[in-house]
Protein backbone atom coordinates (compact mmCIF):
# COMPACT_ATOMS: atom_id res chain seq x y z
CA MET A 1 -37.63 42.85 -62.46
CA MET A 2 -36.60 40.67 -59.54
CA ASP A 3 -38.39 37.49 -58.51
CA GLY A 4 -35.71 36.36 -56.06
CA THR A 5 -36.54 32.65 -55.95
CA ILE A 6 -33.47 31.50 -57.87
CA GLU A 7 -31.24 33.91 -55.98
CA ALA A 8 -32.53 32.52 -52.69
CA LEU A 9 -31.90 28.95 -53.88
CA ILE A 10 -28.30 29.70 -54.83
CA ALA A 11 -27.64 31.92 -51.79
CA VAL A 12 -28.89 29.41 -49.23
CA THR A 13 -26.67 26.74 -50.81
CA LEU A 14 -23.62 29.02 -50.68
CA VAL A 15 -24.34 29.94 -47.07
CA GLY A 16 -24.65 26.25 -46.25
CA SER A 17 -21.28 25.64 -47.86
CA LEU A 18 -19.63 28.26 -45.64
CA VAL A 19 -21.39 27.07 -42.48
CA VAL A 20 -20.37 23.46 -43.04
CA MET A 21 -16.76 24.38 -43.83
CA ALA A 22 -16.55 26.44 -40.65
CA GLY A 23 -18.06 23.68 -38.52
CA SER A 24 -16.72 20.57 -36.90
CA ASP A 25 -15.86 17.39 -38.80
CA ARG A 26 -17.93 15.49 -36.28
CA TYR A 27 -21.21 17.03 -37.45
CA ALA A 28 -20.30 17.94 -41.05
CA ALA A 29 -21.97 14.96 -42.77
CA LYS A 30 -25.34 15.29 -41.05
CA LEU A 31 -25.31 19.10 -41.18
CA ALA A 32 -24.54 19.20 -44.92
CA THR A 33 -27.19 16.58 -45.69
CA ALA A 34 -29.80 18.41 -43.64
CA TRP A 35 -28.87 21.73 -45.26
CA SER A 36 -29.11 20.22 -48.76
CA LEU A 37 -32.76 19.49 -48.07
CA ILE A 38 -33.47 23.23 -48.22
CA PRO A 39 -32.56 23.65 -51.93
CA LEU A 40 -34.10 20.22 -52.61
CA VAL A 41 -37.46 21.26 -51.17
CA GLY A 42 -37.09 24.64 -52.86
CA SER A 43 -36.53 23.09 -56.29
CA LEU A 44 -39.48 20.71 -55.83
CA GLY A 45 -41.63 23.69 -54.88
CA MET A 46 -40.49 25.49 -58.04
CA TRP A 47 -41.32 22.41 -60.11
CA ALA A 48 -44.78 22.13 -58.52
CA THR A 49 -45.60 25.79 -59.27
CA TYR A 50 -43.82 25.99 -62.65
CA ASP A 51 -46.00 27.81 -65.20
CA ALA A 52 -43.67 28.95 -68.00
CA THR A 53 -44.24 28.11 -71.67
CA GLY A 54 -41.96 27.87 -74.68
CA ASN A 55 -38.19 28.21 -74.83
CA ALA A 56 -36.33 30.83 -72.79
CA LEU A 57 -34.06 31.76 -75.70
CA LEU A 58 -36.75 31.90 -78.38
CA GLY A 59 -39.32 34.28 -76.97
CA GLY A 60 -40.93 31.91 -74.51
CA GLU A 61 -41.99 32.75 -70.97
CA THR A 62 -39.55 31.93 -68.18
CA ALA A 63 -40.41 31.16 -64.58
CA PHE A 64 -38.85 32.79 -61.51
CA THR A 65 -37.17 35.43 -63.68
CA SER A 66 -34.89 38.17 -62.38
CA ARG A 67 -33.24 40.71 -64.66
CA GLU A 68 -31.27 43.79 -63.73
CA THR A 69 -28.32 45.56 -65.34
CA TRP A 70 -25.18 44.56 -63.50
CA LEU A 71 -22.29 46.21 -65.32
CA GLY A 72 -22.55 48.90 -67.97
CA LEU A 73 -19.61 48.70 -70.36
CA GLY A 74 -20.17 51.85 -72.42
CA PRO A 75 -19.98 51.03 -76.13
CA LEU A 76 -19.81 47.29 -75.38
CA PRO A 77 -22.87 45.16 -74.57
CA ASP A 78 -24.02 45.39 -70.94
CA ILE A 79 -23.66 42.54 -68.48
CA GLU A 80 -26.92 41.73 -66.68
CA TRP A 81 -27.91 39.64 -63.72
CA PHE A 82 -30.40 37.59 -65.68
CA VAL A 83 -31.74 34.26 -64.43
CA GLY A 84 -34.84 32.25 -65.24
CA ILE A 85 -36.11 28.73 -65.86
CA ASP A 86 -37.90 27.05 -68.75
CA GLY A 87 -38.91 23.45 -69.45
CA ILE A 88 -35.36 22.39 -70.34
CA SER A 89 -33.63 23.82 -67.29
CA MET A 90 -36.31 23.00 -64.68
CA PRO A 91 -35.73 19.20 -64.74
CA LEU A 92 -31.97 19.73 -64.50
CA VAL A 93 -32.36 21.96 -61.46
CA VAL A 94 -34.42 19.25 -59.73
CA LEU A 95 -31.93 16.58 -60.82
CA THR A 96 -29.08 18.61 -59.29
CA THR A 97 -30.70 19.04 -55.90
CA VAL A 98 -31.84 15.41 -55.72
CA LEU A 99 -28.44 13.95 -56.63
CA VAL A 100 -26.53 16.28 -54.30
CA THR A 101 -28.61 15.20 -51.28
CA LEU A 102 -28.28 11.50 -52.15
CA ALA A 103 -24.55 11.85 -52.88
CA LEU A 104 -24.04 13.48 -49.48
CA VAL A 105 -25.72 10.52 -47.78
CA SER A 106 -23.59 8.09 -49.81
CA ALA A 107 -20.47 9.91 -48.54
CA TRP A 108 -21.11 9.04 -44.90
CA THR A 109 -19.22 5.73 -45.15
CA PRO A 110 -16.21 6.45 -47.42
CA ILE A 111 -15.34 10.02 -46.36
CA ASP A 112 -13.63 9.89 -42.97
CA GLU A 113 -11.14 12.78 -43.06
CA ARG A 114 -11.39 16.56 -43.53
CA GLN A 115 -15.13 16.06 -43.62
CA SER A 116 -16.20 19.67 -43.11
CA GLN A 117 -14.16 20.72 -46.13
CA PHE A 118 -15.45 17.88 -48.29
CA TYR A 119 -19.13 18.47 -47.53
CA GLY A 120 -18.74 22.24 -47.79
CA LEU A 121 -17.19 21.89 -51.25
CA VAL A 122 -20.04 19.65 -52.40
CA LEU A 123 -22.57 22.35 -51.42
CA PHE A 124 -20.42 24.96 -53.18
CA LEU A 125 -20.46 22.74 -56.26
CA GLU A 126 -24.25 22.55 -56.04
CA ALA A 127 -24.55 26.34 -56.00
CA GLY A 128 -22.42 26.57 -59.15
CA LEU A 129 -24.50 23.93 -60.93
CA LEU A 130 -27.74 25.71 -60.06
CA GLY A 131 -26.27 28.88 -61.54
CA VAL A 132 -25.29 27.14 -64.78
CA PHE A 133 -28.81 25.81 -65.34
CA THR A 134 -30.59 29.08 -64.51
CA ALA A 135 -28.35 31.89 -65.83
CA LEU A 136 -29.54 33.60 -69.04
CA ASP A 137 -26.75 36.18 -69.37
CA PHE A 138 -23.61 34.72 -70.90
CA PHE A 139 -21.15 36.33 -68.46
CA VAL A 140 -23.16 35.30 -65.40
CA TRP A 141 -23.50 31.83 -66.89
CA PHE A 142 -19.74 31.67 -67.61
CA VAL A 143 -18.87 32.67 -64.03
CA PHE A 144 -20.94 29.76 -62.71
CA TRP A 145 -19.57 27.46 -65.42
CA GLU A 146 -15.99 28.13 -64.32
CA ALA A 147 -16.85 28.15 -60.61
CA VAL A 148 -17.92 24.50 -60.85
CA LEU A 149 -14.34 23.51 -61.74
CA VAL A 150 -12.88 24.75 -58.46
CA PRO A 151 -14.63 22.42 -55.98
CA MET A 152 -14.45 19.50 -58.43
CA TYR A 153 -10.66 19.91 -58.70
CA PHE A 154 -10.23 19.75 -54.92
CA LEU A 155 -12.81 16.99 -54.40
CA ILE A 156 -10.84 14.73 -56.74
CA GLY A 157 -7.35 16.00 -55.92
CA VAL A 158 -7.67 15.74 -52.11
CA TRP A 159 -10.07 12.85 -51.48
CA GLY A 160 -9.42 10.75 -54.58
CA GLY A 161 -7.41 7.59 -55.21
CA PRO A 162 -3.66 7.02 -55.65
CA ARG A 163 -3.45 8.99 -58.94
CA ARG A 164 -5.83 11.70 -57.79
CA LYS A 165 -3.53 14.64 -58.51
CA TYR A 166 -2.94 13.52 -62.09
CA ALA A 167 -6.67 12.99 -62.67
CA ALA A 168 -7.62 16.34 -61.13
CA ILE A 169 -5.04 18.30 -63.11
CA LYS A 170 -5.95 16.51 -66.35
CA MET A 171 -9.64 17.29 -65.84
CA PHE A 172 -8.89 20.91 -64.98
CA VAL A 173 -6.58 21.49 -67.96
CA TYR A 174 -8.88 19.80 -70.47
CA THR A 175 -12.03 21.59 -69.38
CA ASN A 176 -10.38 24.95 -68.76
CA ILE A 177 -8.81 25.10 -72.22
CA ALA A 178 -12.17 24.06 -73.66
CA SER A 179 -13.86 26.89 -71.75
CA LEU A 180 -11.42 29.40 -73.22
CA VAL A 181 -12.14 28.18 -76.76
CA MET A 182 -15.88 28.37 -76.13
CA PHE A 183 -15.61 31.85 -74.59
CA VAL A 184 -13.75 33.20 -77.63
CA GLY A 185 -16.35 31.69 -79.96
CA TYR A 186 -19.33 33.27 -78.24
CA THR A 187 -17.84 36.71 -77.65
CA ALA A 188 -16.67 36.89 -81.28
CA LEU A 189 -20.21 36.09 -82.36
CA VAL A 190 -21.70 38.81 -80.12
CA PHE A 191 -19.20 41.43 -81.25
CA GLY A 192 -19.93 40.46 -84.84
CA LEU A 193 -23.62 41.25 -84.28
CA GLY A 194 -22.66 44.83 -83.38
CA ASP A 195 -25.61 47.13 -82.65
CA ALA A 196 -28.10 44.27 -83.08
CA VAL A 197 -27.50 43.33 -79.42
CA SER A 198 -27.07 45.63 -76.43
CA THR A 199 -26.32 43.01 -73.78
CA PHE A 200 -24.70 39.60 -73.42
CA ALA A 201 -28.11 38.09 -72.62
CA MET A 202 -28.47 34.74 -74.36
CA PRO A 203 -32.12 35.33 -75.42
CA GLU A 204 -31.13 38.61 -77.07
CA THR A 205 -28.36 36.93 -79.05
CA ALA A 206 -30.67 34.09 -80.09
CA GLU A 207 -33.39 36.55 -81.14
CA ALA A 208 -30.96 38.54 -83.30
CA LEU A 209 -29.58 35.43 -85.00
CA VAL A 210 -32.73 33.34 -85.36
CA VAL A 211 -35.82 35.56 -85.16
CA GLU A 212 -34.48 38.72 -86.80
CA ASN A 213 -32.02 36.76 -88.97
CA VAL A 214 -29.24 39.30 -88.42
CA GLN A 215 -26.04 38.30 -90.15
CA PRO A 216 -22.90 39.13 -88.14
CA ASP A 217 -20.48 41.60 -89.65
CA ALA A 218 -17.00 40.60 -90.69
CA LEU A 219 -14.63 40.61 -87.73
CA ALA A 220 -10.94 41.33 -88.28
CA PHE A 221 -9.95 39.13 -91.24
CA VAL A 222 -12.93 36.74 -90.89
CA ASP A 223 -15.93 37.28 -93.16
CA ALA A 224 -19.50 37.09 -91.86
CA GLU A 225 -20.38 33.54 -92.94
CA THR A 226 -17.04 32.16 -91.80
CA LEU A 227 -17.52 33.87 -88.43
CA LYS A 228 -20.73 31.92 -87.78
CA VAL A 229 -19.09 28.63 -88.71
CA ALA A 230 -16.00 29.43 -86.64
CA ALA A 231 -18.14 30.43 -83.64
CA PHE A 232 -20.19 27.23 -83.94
CA THR A 233 -17.00 25.15 -84.17
CA ALA A 234 -15.43 26.85 -81.14
CA LEU A 235 -18.59 26.42 -79.08
CA PHE A 236 -19.02 22.80 -80.14
CA ALA A 237 -15.38 21.98 -79.40
CA GLY A 238 -15.54 23.63 -75.98
CA PHE A 239 -18.73 21.85 -74.95
CA ALA A 240 -17.67 18.52 -76.49
CA VAL A 241 -14.90 18.23 -73.88
CA LYS A 242 -17.39 18.67 -71.05
CA VAL A 243 -19.90 16.12 -72.45
CA PRO A 244 -17.45 14.39 -73.32
CA ILE A 245 -17.55 13.34 -76.97
CA VAL A 246 -14.98 11.02 -78.56
CA PRO A 247 -12.09 11.81 -79.11
CA VAL A 248 -11.88 14.43 -76.30
CA HIS A 249 -13.17 12.02 -73.66
CA THR A 250 -9.93 10.70 -72.19
CA TRP A 251 -10.03 12.84 -69.03
CA LEU A 252 -13.32 11.32 -67.88
CA PRO A 253 -12.34 7.70 -67.04
CA ASP A 254 -9.30 8.89 -65.08
CA ALA A 255 -11.42 11.39 -63.15
CA HIS A 256 -14.07 8.77 -62.34
CA VAL A 257 -11.63 6.08 -61.26
CA GLU A 258 -9.74 8.38 -58.90
CA ALA A 259 -12.74 10.36 -57.59
CA PRO A 260 -14.49 9.20 -54.41
CA THR A 261 -17.89 7.65 -55.07
CA PRO A 262 -20.06 10.69 -54.17
CA VAL A 263 -18.00 12.85 -56.53
CA SER A 264 -18.34 10.30 -59.34
CA VAL A 265 -22.11 10.38 -58.80
CA LEU A 266 -22.19 14.16 -59.28
CA LEU A 267 -19.64 14.13 -62.10
CA ALA A 268 -21.61 11.63 -64.20
CA GLY A 269 -25.05 12.61 -62.97
CA VAL A 270 -24.90 16.40 -63.33
CA LEU A 271 -21.57 17.82 -64.53
CA LEU A 272 -21.63 16.01 -67.87
CA LYS A 273 -25.08 17.50 -68.48
CA MET A 274 -23.51 20.95 -68.43
CA GLY A 275 -21.95 20.15 -71.81
CA THR A 276 -25.08 18.78 -73.47
CA TYR A 277 -27.23 21.55 -71.96
CA ALA A 278 -24.83 24.17 -73.35
CA LEU A 279 -24.80 22.52 -76.78
CA LEU A 280 -28.58 22.70 -76.87
CA ARG A 281 -28.68 26.33 -75.68
CA PHE A 282 -25.88 27.74 -77.82
CA ASN A 283 -25.12 25.62 -80.89
CA PHE A 284 -28.52 24.15 -81.70
CA THR A 285 -30.65 27.12 -80.63
CA MET A 286 -28.56 30.11 -81.74
CA LEU A 287 -26.93 28.70 -84.88
CA PRO A 288 -29.42 26.22 -86.37
CA ASP A 289 -28.39 26.89 -89.96
CA VAL A 290 -24.79 25.87 -89.24
CA ALA A 291 -25.94 22.83 -87.26
CA ARG A 292 -28.27 21.79 -90.08
CA ALA A 293 -25.53 22.13 -92.70
CA ASN A 294 -23.16 20.01 -90.62
CA MET A 295 -25.67 17.41 -89.46
CA PRO A 296 -23.77 14.42 -90.94
CA ILE A 297 -20.59 15.39 -89.08
CA ILE A 298 -22.42 15.93 -85.78
CA ALA A 299 -24.37 12.68 -86.14
CA ALA A 300 -21.12 10.86 -86.95
CA PHE A 301 -19.57 12.16 -83.72
CA ALA A 302 -22.66 10.92 -81.85
CA VAL A 303 -22.55 7.43 -83.36
CA ILE A 304 -18.79 7.10 -82.85
CA SER A 305 -19.20 8.09 -79.18
CA ILE A 306 -22.01 5.56 -78.74
CA ILE A 307 -20.21 2.62 -80.32
CA TYR A 308 -16.63 3.43 -79.30
CA GLY A 309 -17.62 4.22 -75.71
CA ALA A 310 -19.51 0.94 -75.46
CA MET A 311 -16.62 -1.04 -76.97
CA LEU A 312 -14.17 0.52 -74.51
CA ALA A 313 -16.49 -0.39 -71.63
CA LEU A 314 -16.55 -3.97 -72.92
CA ALA A 315 -12.76 -4.16 -72.56
CA GLN A 316 -12.58 -2.93 -68.93
CA THR A 317 -12.13 -4.97 -65.76
CA ASP A 318 -12.65 -2.09 -63.28
CA LEU A 319 -16.35 -1.63 -62.51
CA LYS A 320 -15.93 2.14 -62.25
CA ARG A 321 -14.28 2.33 -65.66
CA ILE A 322 -17.10 0.26 -67.12
CA VAL A 323 -19.70 2.74 -65.87
CA ALA A 324 -17.50 5.70 -66.88
CA TYR A 325 -17.24 4.57 -70.50
CA SER A 326 -20.96 3.83 -70.42
CA SER A 327 -21.49 7.54 -69.79
CA VAL A 328 -19.51 8.41 -72.93
CA SER A 329 -21.78 6.07 -74.89
CA SER A 330 -24.99 7.39 -73.31
CA MET A 331 -24.13 11.02 -73.99
CA GLY A 332 -23.83 10.10 -77.67
CA TYR A 333 -27.59 9.52 -77.73
CA VAL A 334 -28.11 13.10 -76.53
CA ILE A 335 -26.01 14.43 -79.43
CA LEU A 336 -27.91 12.22 -81.89
CA GLY A 337 -31.25 13.57 -80.66
CA LEU A 338 -30.08 17.17 -80.93
CA ALA A 339 -28.78 16.61 -84.47
CA ALA A 340 -32.20 15.26 -85.51
CA TYR A 341 -33.91 18.63 -84.88
CA THR A 342 -37.34 17.07 -84.33
CA LEU A 343 -39.64 17.55 -81.36
CA TYR A 344 -38.94 14.05 -80.05
CA GLY A 345 -35.28 14.23 -81.00
CA VAL A 346 -34.56 17.43 -79.07
CA GLY A 347 -37.03 16.55 -76.33
CA GLY A 348 -35.62 13.04 -76.06
CA ALA A 349 -32.10 14.46 -75.78
CA ALA A 350 -33.18 16.68 -72.87
CA PHE A 351 -35.02 13.76 -71.25
CA GLN A 352 -31.94 11.54 -71.68
CA MET A 353 -29.91 14.09 -69.70
CA VAL A 354 -32.20 13.57 -66.70
CA SER A 355 -32.55 9.82 -67.18
CA HIS A 356 -28.83 9.23 -67.50
CA GLY A 357 -28.21 11.43 -64.47
CA LEU A 358 -30.35 9.15 -62.33
CA ILE A 359 -29.14 5.84 -63.78
CA SER A 360 -25.43 6.69 -63.81
CA GLY A 361 -25.77 8.06 -60.28
CA LEU A 362 -27.30 4.77 -59.15
CA MET A 363 -24.63 2.68 -60.90
CA PHE A 364 -21.69 4.62 -59.46
CA MET A 365 -23.29 4.62 -56.03
CA ALA A 366 -23.88 0.86 -56.10
CA VAL A 367 -20.29 0.19 -57.22
CA GLY A 368 -19.15 2.44 -54.38
CA VAL A 369 -21.17 0.49 -51.81
CA ILE A 370 -19.58 -2.75 -53.00
CA TYR A 371 -16.14 -1.14 -52.87
CA ASN A 372 -16.75 0.14 -49.32
CA THR A 373 -17.17 -3.49 -48.24
CA THR A 374 -14.75 -5.39 -50.49
CA HIS A 375 -12.09 -2.69 -51.10
CA THR A 376 -11.83 -3.77 -54.73
CA ARG A 377 -13.64 -2.87 -57.96
CA MET A 378 -11.96 -5.43 -60.20
CA VAL A 379 -14.28 -7.81 -62.02
CA THR A 380 -11.60 -10.51 -61.90
CA ASP A 381 -11.40 -10.38 -58.08
CA MET A 382 -15.05 -10.94 -57.23
CA SER A 383 -17.77 -13.51 -57.67
CA GLY A 384 -20.90 -14.47 -55.78
CA MET A 385 -21.54 -11.00 -54.34
CA ALA A 386 -25.30 -11.57 -54.58
CA SER A 387 -25.16 -14.00 -51.66
CA LYS A 388 -23.33 -11.50 -49.46
CA MET A 389 -24.99 -8.18 -50.41
CA PRO A 390 -28.43 -9.13 -51.80
CA TYR A 391 -30.10 -5.69 -51.53
CA THR A 392 -27.21 -3.78 -53.05
CA VAL A 393 -26.80 -6.32 -55.83
CA GLY A 394 -30.52 -6.37 -56.56
CA ILE A 395 -30.62 -2.61 -57.01
CA LEU A 396 -27.41 -2.71 -59.09
CA ILE A 397 -29.00 -5.25 -61.44
CA ALA A 398 -32.12 -3.11 -61.74
CA GLY A 399 -29.97 -0.07 -62.56
CA ALA A 400 -28.09 -2.06 -65.21
CA PHE A 401 -31.41 -3.02 -66.80
CA GLY A 402 -32.29 0.67 -66.82
CA TYR A 403 -29.05 1.34 -68.73
CA MET A 404 -30.02 -1.37 -71.21
CA GLY A 405 -33.37 0.33 -71.83
CA LEU A 406 -35.76 -2.01 -70.01
CA PRO A 407 -39.38 -0.86 -70.55
CA LEU A 408 -41.01 1.09 -67.68
CA MET A 409 -37.62 2.52 -66.72
CA SER A 410 -36.43 6.00 -67.66
CA GLY A 411 -33.65 4.72 -69.94
CA PHE A 412 -36.22 3.09 -72.23
CA ALA A 413 -38.36 6.23 -72.49
CA ALA A 414 -35.34 8.45 -73.20
CA GLU A 415 -33.88 6.22 -75.90
CA PHE A 416 -37.30 5.63 -77.45
CA TYR A 417 -37.86 9.39 -77.80
CA VAL A 418 -34.40 9.90 -79.29
CA PHE A 419 -34.78 7.07 -81.80
CA LEU A 420 -38.30 8.13 -82.75
CA GLY A 421 -37.19 11.71 -83.32
CA ALA A 422 -34.09 10.66 -85.24
CA PHE A 423 -36.04 8.39 -87.58
CA GLN A 424 -38.60 11.16 -88.15
CA ALA A 425 -35.79 13.46 -89.29
CA GLY A 426 -35.31 11.24 -92.31
CA ALA A 427 -38.54 12.66 -93.75
CA PHE A 428 -37.20 16.24 -93.79
CA ASP A 429 -36.95 17.89 -97.18
CA VAL A 430 -33.50 19.12 -96.12
CA ALA A 431 -30.17 18.14 -97.64
CA ASN A 432 -28.46 15.18 -95.92
CA TYR A 433 -31.28 14.51 -93.44
CA ASN A 434 -32.22 11.38 -95.36
CA LEU A 435 -29.04 9.95 -93.80
CA MET A 436 -30.39 10.24 -90.26
CA PRO A 437 -32.21 6.85 -90.23
CA ALA A 438 -28.93 5.17 -91.21
CA PHE A 439 -27.04 6.91 -88.40
CA THR A 440 -29.82 5.93 -86.00
CA ALA A 441 -29.79 2.29 -87.05
CA VAL A 442 -26.05 2.09 -86.33
CA ALA A 443 -26.51 3.89 -83.00
CA MET A 444 -29.17 1.39 -81.94
CA PHE A 445 -26.54 -1.35 -82.14
CA GLY A 446 -24.92 0.35 -79.15
CA ILE A 447 -27.72 -1.02 -76.96
CA VAL A 448 -26.64 -4.56 -77.84
CA ILE A 449 -23.06 -3.81 -76.79
CA VAL A 450 -24.27 -2.17 -73.56
CA ALA A 451 -26.28 -5.28 -72.71
CA GLY A 452 -23.27 -7.44 -73.51
CA TYR A 453 -20.74 -5.78 -71.22
CA LEU A 454 -23.17 -5.16 -68.37
CA LEU A 455 -24.46 -8.73 -68.37
CA LEU A 456 -20.90 -10.06 -68.61
CA ALA A 457 -19.71 -7.90 -65.69
CA MET A 458 -22.70 -8.90 -63.54
CA GLN A 459 -22.31 -12.58 -64.34
CA ARG A 460 -18.66 -12.50 -63.27
CA THR A 461 -19.02 -10.45 -60.10
CA LEU A 462 -22.49 -11.07 -58.73
CA PHE A 463 -23.28 -14.73 -59.31
CA GLY A 464 -21.65 -18.08 -58.73
CA GLU A 465 -19.72 -19.14 -55.64
CA PHE A 466 -18.33 -16.40 -53.42
CA SER A 467 -14.55 -16.40 -53.88
CA LEU A 468 -13.24 -12.97 -52.90
CA GLU A 469 -9.99 -13.14 -50.94
CA THR A 470 -10.02 -10.24 -48.49
CA ASP A 471 -9.16 -9.43 -44.91
CA TYR A 472 -12.41 -7.46 -44.61
CA GLU A 473 -15.72 -8.94 -43.55
CA VAL A 474 -18.13 -8.90 -46.50
CA GLY A 475 -21.76 -8.52 -45.52
CA ARG A 476 -24.85 -6.45 -46.04
CA ALA A 477 -24.31 -2.73 -46.44
CA PRO A 478 -25.67 -0.34 -43.80
CA LEU A 479 -29.07 1.26 -44.35
CA HIS A 480 -27.66 4.72 -45.07
CA ASP A 481 -25.72 3.22 -48.01
CA ILE A 482 -28.70 1.36 -49.46
CA ALA A 483 -31.33 4.10 -48.96
CA PRO A 484 -29.99 6.48 -51.67
CA LEU A 485 -29.87 3.55 -54.11
CA ALA A 486 -33.48 2.69 -53.38
CA VAL A 487 -34.58 6.31 -53.84
CA LEU A 488 -32.82 6.53 -57.21
CA LEU A 489 -34.37 3.27 -58.37
CA VAL A 490 -37.85 4.50 -57.44
CA LEU A 491 -37.24 7.74 -59.37
CA ILE A 492 -35.98 5.82 -62.42
CA ILE A 493 -39.10 3.64 -62.45
CA ALA A 494 -41.39 6.62 -61.81
CA LEU A 495 -39.86 8.59 -64.68
CA GLY A 496 -39.98 5.56 -66.96
CA SER A 497 -43.61 4.73 -66.27
CA GLN A 498 -44.78 8.37 -66.12
CA PRO A 499 -42.36 10.32 -68.35
CA ASP A 500 -44.67 13.34 -68.50
CA ILE A 501 -43.50 14.16 -64.99
CA PHE A 502 -40.82 16.07 -66.91
CA PHE A 503 -41.40 15.40 -70.59
CA GLU A 504 -44.46 17.63 -70.91
CA MET A 505 -42.49 20.74 -69.93
CA ILE A 506 -39.49 19.53 -71.93
CA ARG A 507 -41.68 19.14 -75.00
CA GLU A 508 -43.00 22.70 -74.70
CA ALA A 509 -39.46 24.10 -74.52
CA SER A 510 -38.07 21.79 -77.22
CA GLY A 511 -40.74 22.52 -79.83
CA PRO A 512 -39.46 26.03 -80.72
CA VAL A 513 -35.94 24.62 -81.20
CA ALA A 514 -37.22 21.85 -83.47
CA ASP A 515 -39.26 24.42 -85.43
CA LEU A 516 -36.00 26.09 -86.48
CA VAL A 517 -35.51 23.25 -88.97
CA GLY A 518 -39.17 22.32 -89.36
CA GLY A 519 -39.36 19.32 -87.06
CA GLY A 520 -41.54 20.75 -84.31
CA ALA A 521 -44.74 19.07 -85.39
C-alpha cells in the first residue's frame, strides 16, 4: 500500500537541500526560499484534502498512508516503511513547512557567509522534521529523529555566536543520550510483548498494549509490571530532554543564545514539539495505565516547568534568553494538558504545540530583527526602540500579548483548552485526579509571571527616550525582515479567532486518547 504523497514531500525537500548545497552562495538564499515553497504548498494541499478520522495509533484512519515491509529480521519484529498522518500530526506538518519558509526569509540579513551550506542544512532539517511527524514505524521514526540532530549541530556550531561550539556540543550530548535512553525503553517494551507484535509499527504496539490489553512478559531480571513502568520512565526521560522539562532544560537557553535567529525560530517553533509529540504518541497513548497512576508526578513536573521557567525568564537581561525560558514555561502547559487525559486537555496540548510554534517563532524573529540593527540584545542597553523601528516593535508587542494569552490570539485559545480540560479532570472517579484542579490553579499563576517579565522587558527596551549607544545606524528594518513577522502575526490571530482551522481535526484524534482514561466526552 503506497500513497506516495509523504514520500514526495520528504524527497523534494531532500533534493532541494542537495541542490542548494551544490549551488553558489550568491543565489542560495533565494533558491532555498523558492524551493521551500514546494513542500509548503504540498502540505497546504494535504491539509485541504485531509479526510482521516480518529487516532493513527488507536485504530483510526490515517491520510496519505504508505506501508511496505522494509527489513525482515527473522524471529525479530519486521521493520516497515510506514508513514501516515492523522489530526495530531497534520497541523505539525503544516507548522513545519510554514516556519521553515519564513525562517529562510529571515536569514537573508544575518547570514552572509557559507550561505549555500546554511540554507541546504535548513532544508535537510525540514526533511527530518517531516519524517518525525509522519513516520508510524518506530525504526523509521527513530532514523528521522536522530537525523534532525545533525543539521542542527552544524547550524549552531558553525553560524552561531561566540560560544557556539559549547552550545552545539551540549545540545548534541544531552539530546543524544536522551535518545539512547528512549530507544532502550521502547525496544525493551516491544521485545517484552513477544509474539503479540510482528513489527515495530507504533499502531501495532499501541493496539497490543491498549486494545488487546496484552501484558508484556518478564524480560531478563525485570518482571512484567516493572517493565512497563521502566519503559514509561525511560521514554518520558528521553522525551523530557527534547521538550525540555525542568530540570533537564539547561541546554536550551545556551543553544538559543548562540544560535543564529533563523535557527532559534526552528528550534523553538518546531524542534521542541518533537518531544511533546513523542510524549503524546508513546507515553500517553501506549501506556495510559502507567501515566494515570503517576499523574501527580507528571503534573508536578508540568507546574514546576511553568513557574520555574517563568521565574528564570524574569531574571534575564538578554532578550533571547527571556524568550528561551518562556518556551520552557509554555511547554509545561502541554504536559499539564496531556496529564489531564480529557478531550480538551489532550486536544489543548496538541493545539498549544502549534500555537507556541507560531508565537515563539515570531518573538525570536522580532528579537533577531532588532539585533540585526542594534547589534545588542541586552535589555539594559536599549530604550526607545519604538521610535526607531515602529513596525517591528508593533509586531513584537502583539506577539508578546499572544504569549500572555490575549483573547482572539492563538495563545488564549490554547491555554483556555488546556485549563478547561485540566479542571474537567478533577471530576474523574480515578485516584489522585481530584488533585488536578489544584495543579491547574497553580499553573495559571504562570500567566501572571509571563505578563510581568514581558511587560517589564518591553517597557525598558521599547519605550521612553532613545538612548542606545552604537556605531550602527538604527532605523526601520527592511521589508524582507518585517514580512515574515507580519505573516506569523496574521496566522496567530487567524488561529486564535478561528481555532477550528486545526482544532477540529485535533479533537477527532485526541478523543480516542482521552477515552483511555474516560475523559473523551
